[in-house]
Protein backbone atom coordinates (compact mmCIF):
# COMPACT_ATOMS: atom_id res chain seq x y z
CA UNK A 1 -45.00 72.07 107.07
CA UNK A 2 -42.44 70.00 109.02
CA UNK A 3 -42.37 67.29 106.31
CA UNK A 4 -41.30 69.98 103.83
CA UNK A 5 -38.16 70.62 105.93
CA UNK A 6 -37.42 66.91 106.28
CA UNK A 7 -37.53 66.26 102.52
CA UNK A 8 -35.03 68.96 101.55
CA UNK A 9 -31.76 67.73 100.16
CA UNK A 10 -28.49 69.66 100.26
CA UNK A 11 -25.20 69.17 98.51
CA UNK A 12 -22.06 68.82 100.59
CA UNK A 13 -21.03 72.38 99.67
CA UNK A 14 -24.43 73.76 100.72
CA UNK A 15 -24.25 71.92 104.05
CA UNK A 16 -20.78 73.34 104.65
CA UNK A 17 -21.97 76.88 103.88
CA UNK A 18 -25.02 76.53 106.15
CA UNK A 19 -22.91 75.14 108.99
CA UNK A 20 -20.34 77.92 108.57
CA UNK A 21 -23.10 80.51 108.93
CA UNK A 22 -24.64 78.72 111.91
CA UNK A 23 -21.31 78.40 113.74
CA UNK A 24 -20.47 82.04 112.97
CA UNK A 25 -23.82 83.17 114.41
CA UNK A 26 -23.59 80.90 117.44
CA UNK A 27 -20.09 81.98 118.37
CA UNK A 28 -19.58 85.70 118.02
CA UNK A 29 -16.44 87.05 116.37
CA UNK A 30 -15.15 87.99 119.84
CA UNK A 31 -15.39 84.39 121.02
CA UNK A 32 -12.46 82.11 120.41
CA UNK A 33 -13.02 78.38 120.49
CA UNK A 34 -10.69 76.06 122.32
CA UNK A 35 -9.54 72.79 120.81
CA UNK A 36 -11.81 70.99 123.30
CA UNK A 37 -14.83 72.96 122.03
CA UNK A 38 -13.83 72.15 118.46
CA UNK A 39 -13.69 68.46 119.40
CA UNK A 40 -17.18 68.75 120.96
CA UNK A 41 -18.57 70.19 117.73
CA UNK A 42 -16.88 67.45 115.72
CA UNK A 43 -18.29 64.77 118.01
CA UNK A 44 -21.79 66.23 117.71
CA UNK A 45 -21.43 66.09 113.93
CA UNK A 46 -20.15 62.51 114.24
CA UNK A 47 -16.86 63.33 112.53
CA UNK A 48 -13.86 61.24 113.46
CA UNK A 49 -11.08 63.02 115.40
CA UNK A 50 -8.61 61.81 112.74
CA UNK A 51 -10.65 63.62 110.10
CA UNK A 52 -10.49 66.77 112.22
CA UNK A 53 -6.71 66.41 112.51
CA UNK A 54 -6.36 66.01 108.73
CA UNK A 55 -8.62 69.00 108.14
CA UNK A 56 -6.66 71.10 110.64
CA UNK A 57 -3.36 70.17 108.95
CA UNK A 58 -4.82 71.06 105.55
CA UNK A 59 -6.05 74.38 106.95
CA UNK A 60 -2.61 75.11 108.47
CA UNK A 61 -0.96 74.36 105.11
CA UNK A 62 -3.41 76.69 103.37
CA UNK A 63 -2.70 79.42 105.94
CA UNK A 64 1.04 78.99 105.41
CA UNK A 65 0.66 79.13 101.62
CA UNK A 66 -1.47 82.28 101.90
CA UNK A 67 1.09 83.90 104.20
CA UNK A 68 3.96 82.95 101.86
CA UNK A 69 2.09 84.42 98.91
CA UNK A 70 1.39 87.63 100.87
CA UNK A 71 5.09 87.95 101.77
CA UNK A 72 6.10 87.26 98.16
CA UNK A 73 3.69 89.90 96.83
CA UNK A 74 5.00 92.43 99.36
CA UNK A 75 8.56 91.57 98.33
CA UNK A 76 7.74 91.99 94.65
CA UNK A 77 5.93 95.27 95.33
CA UNK A 78 8.94 96.56 97.26
CA UNK A 79 11.27 95.46 94.48
CA UNK A 80 9.12 97.21 91.86
CA UNK A 81 9.02 100.38 93.97
CA UNK A 82 12.82 100.37 94.38
CA UNK A 83 13.42 99.83 90.65
CA UNK A 84 10.95 102.56 89.73
CA UNK A 85 12.55 104.98 92.18
CA UNK A 86 15.99 104.19 90.75
CA UNK A 87 14.63 104.74 87.23
CA UNK A 88 13.19 108.13 88.15
CA UNK A 89 16.29 109.37 89.98
CA UNK A 90 18.81 108.23 87.38
CA UNK A 91 16.78 109.48 84.43
CA UNK A 92 16.16 112.84 86.12
CA UNK A 93 19.95 113.17 86.50
CA UNK A 94 20.56 112.13 82.88
CA UNK A 95 17.98 114.61 81.56
CA UNK A 96 19.52 117.35 83.74
CA UNK A 97 23.03 116.54 82.46
CA UNK A 98 21.74 116.46 78.89
CA UNK A 99 19.95 119.79 79.42
CA UNK A 100 23.01 121.42 81.01
CA UNK A 101 25.33 120.28 78.20
CA UNK A 102 23.00 121.56 75.55
CA UNK A 103 19.89 119.74 74.49
CA UNK A 104 20.82 119.71 70.80
CA UNK A 105 21.09 115.91 70.84
CA UNK A 106 18.45 114.54 73.23
CA UNK A 107 20.29 111.30 74.06
CA UNK A 108 18.78 111.20 77.57
CA UNK A 109 15.31 110.86 76.10
CA UNK A 110 16.35 107.65 74.32
CA UNK A 111 17.53 106.21 77.64
CA UNK A 112 14.37 107.47 79.34
CA UNK A 113 12.09 105.88 76.73
CA UNK A 114 13.91 102.55 76.37
CA UNK A 115 14.38 102.04 80.09
CA UNK A 116 10.79 103.24 80.62
CA UNK A 117 9.55 100.47 78.35
CA UNK A 118 11.40 97.93 80.51
CA UNK A 119 9.89 99.45 83.68
CA UNK A 120 6.47 99.44 82.04
CA UNK A 121 6.82 95.76 81.17
CA UNK A 122 7.82 94.93 84.76
CA UNK A 123 4.85 96.89 86.07
CA UNK A 124 2.50 95.19 83.62
CA UNK A 125 3.80 91.76 84.67
CA UNK A 126 3.31 92.60 88.33
CA UNK A 127 -0.25 93.88 88.05
CA UNK A 128 -1.70 91.91 85.14
CA UNK A 129 0.04 88.54 85.27
CA UNK A 130 0.05 87.63 88.96
CA UNK A 131 -0.94 84.00 88.32
CA UNK A 132 1.01 83.29 85.15
CA UNK A 133 3.56 80.52 84.64
CA UNK A 134 6.49 82.96 84.85
CA UNK A 135 5.13 84.32 88.13
CA UNK A 136 4.88 80.80 89.56
CA UNK A 137 8.52 80.15 88.67
CA UNK A 138 9.60 83.39 90.34
CA UNK A 139 7.49 82.50 93.40
CA UNK A 140 9.04 79.04 93.64
CA UNK A 141 12.51 80.53 93.32
CA UNK A 142 11.69 83.10 96.02
CA UNK A 143 10.28 80.37 98.28
CA UNK A 144 13.46 78.29 98.02
CA UNK A 145 15.56 81.28 99.09
């Protein structure tokens, strides 16, 4: 039975997943690890401290990128909300003016429809093309600001 366990082979990804589960079970979610404890774990796994430092820097960069993306998405969502609100308010006023002046020529509906198509395109881009090339350019531009 023991020889069966000794002959198993795991890929690097499988080992990482198993170790993640083991560490998560060993240290409860309420427990925070100090850097010294992290170094102990690394030493037990015979990983060089330099490798830990590189991994920590990579993790920090990933955390920063995730946070930047979250802020960008929130900014875009806020921008979309503001534009949609402006669209609704202005078009409600235009329809009211058109209605009060006599609705014989429904010019406000043309504005409503054309501008609505632009709003619809913006909404479609926001929800259905979040990882497209155009979105990456907008994200890079936002990041530089």
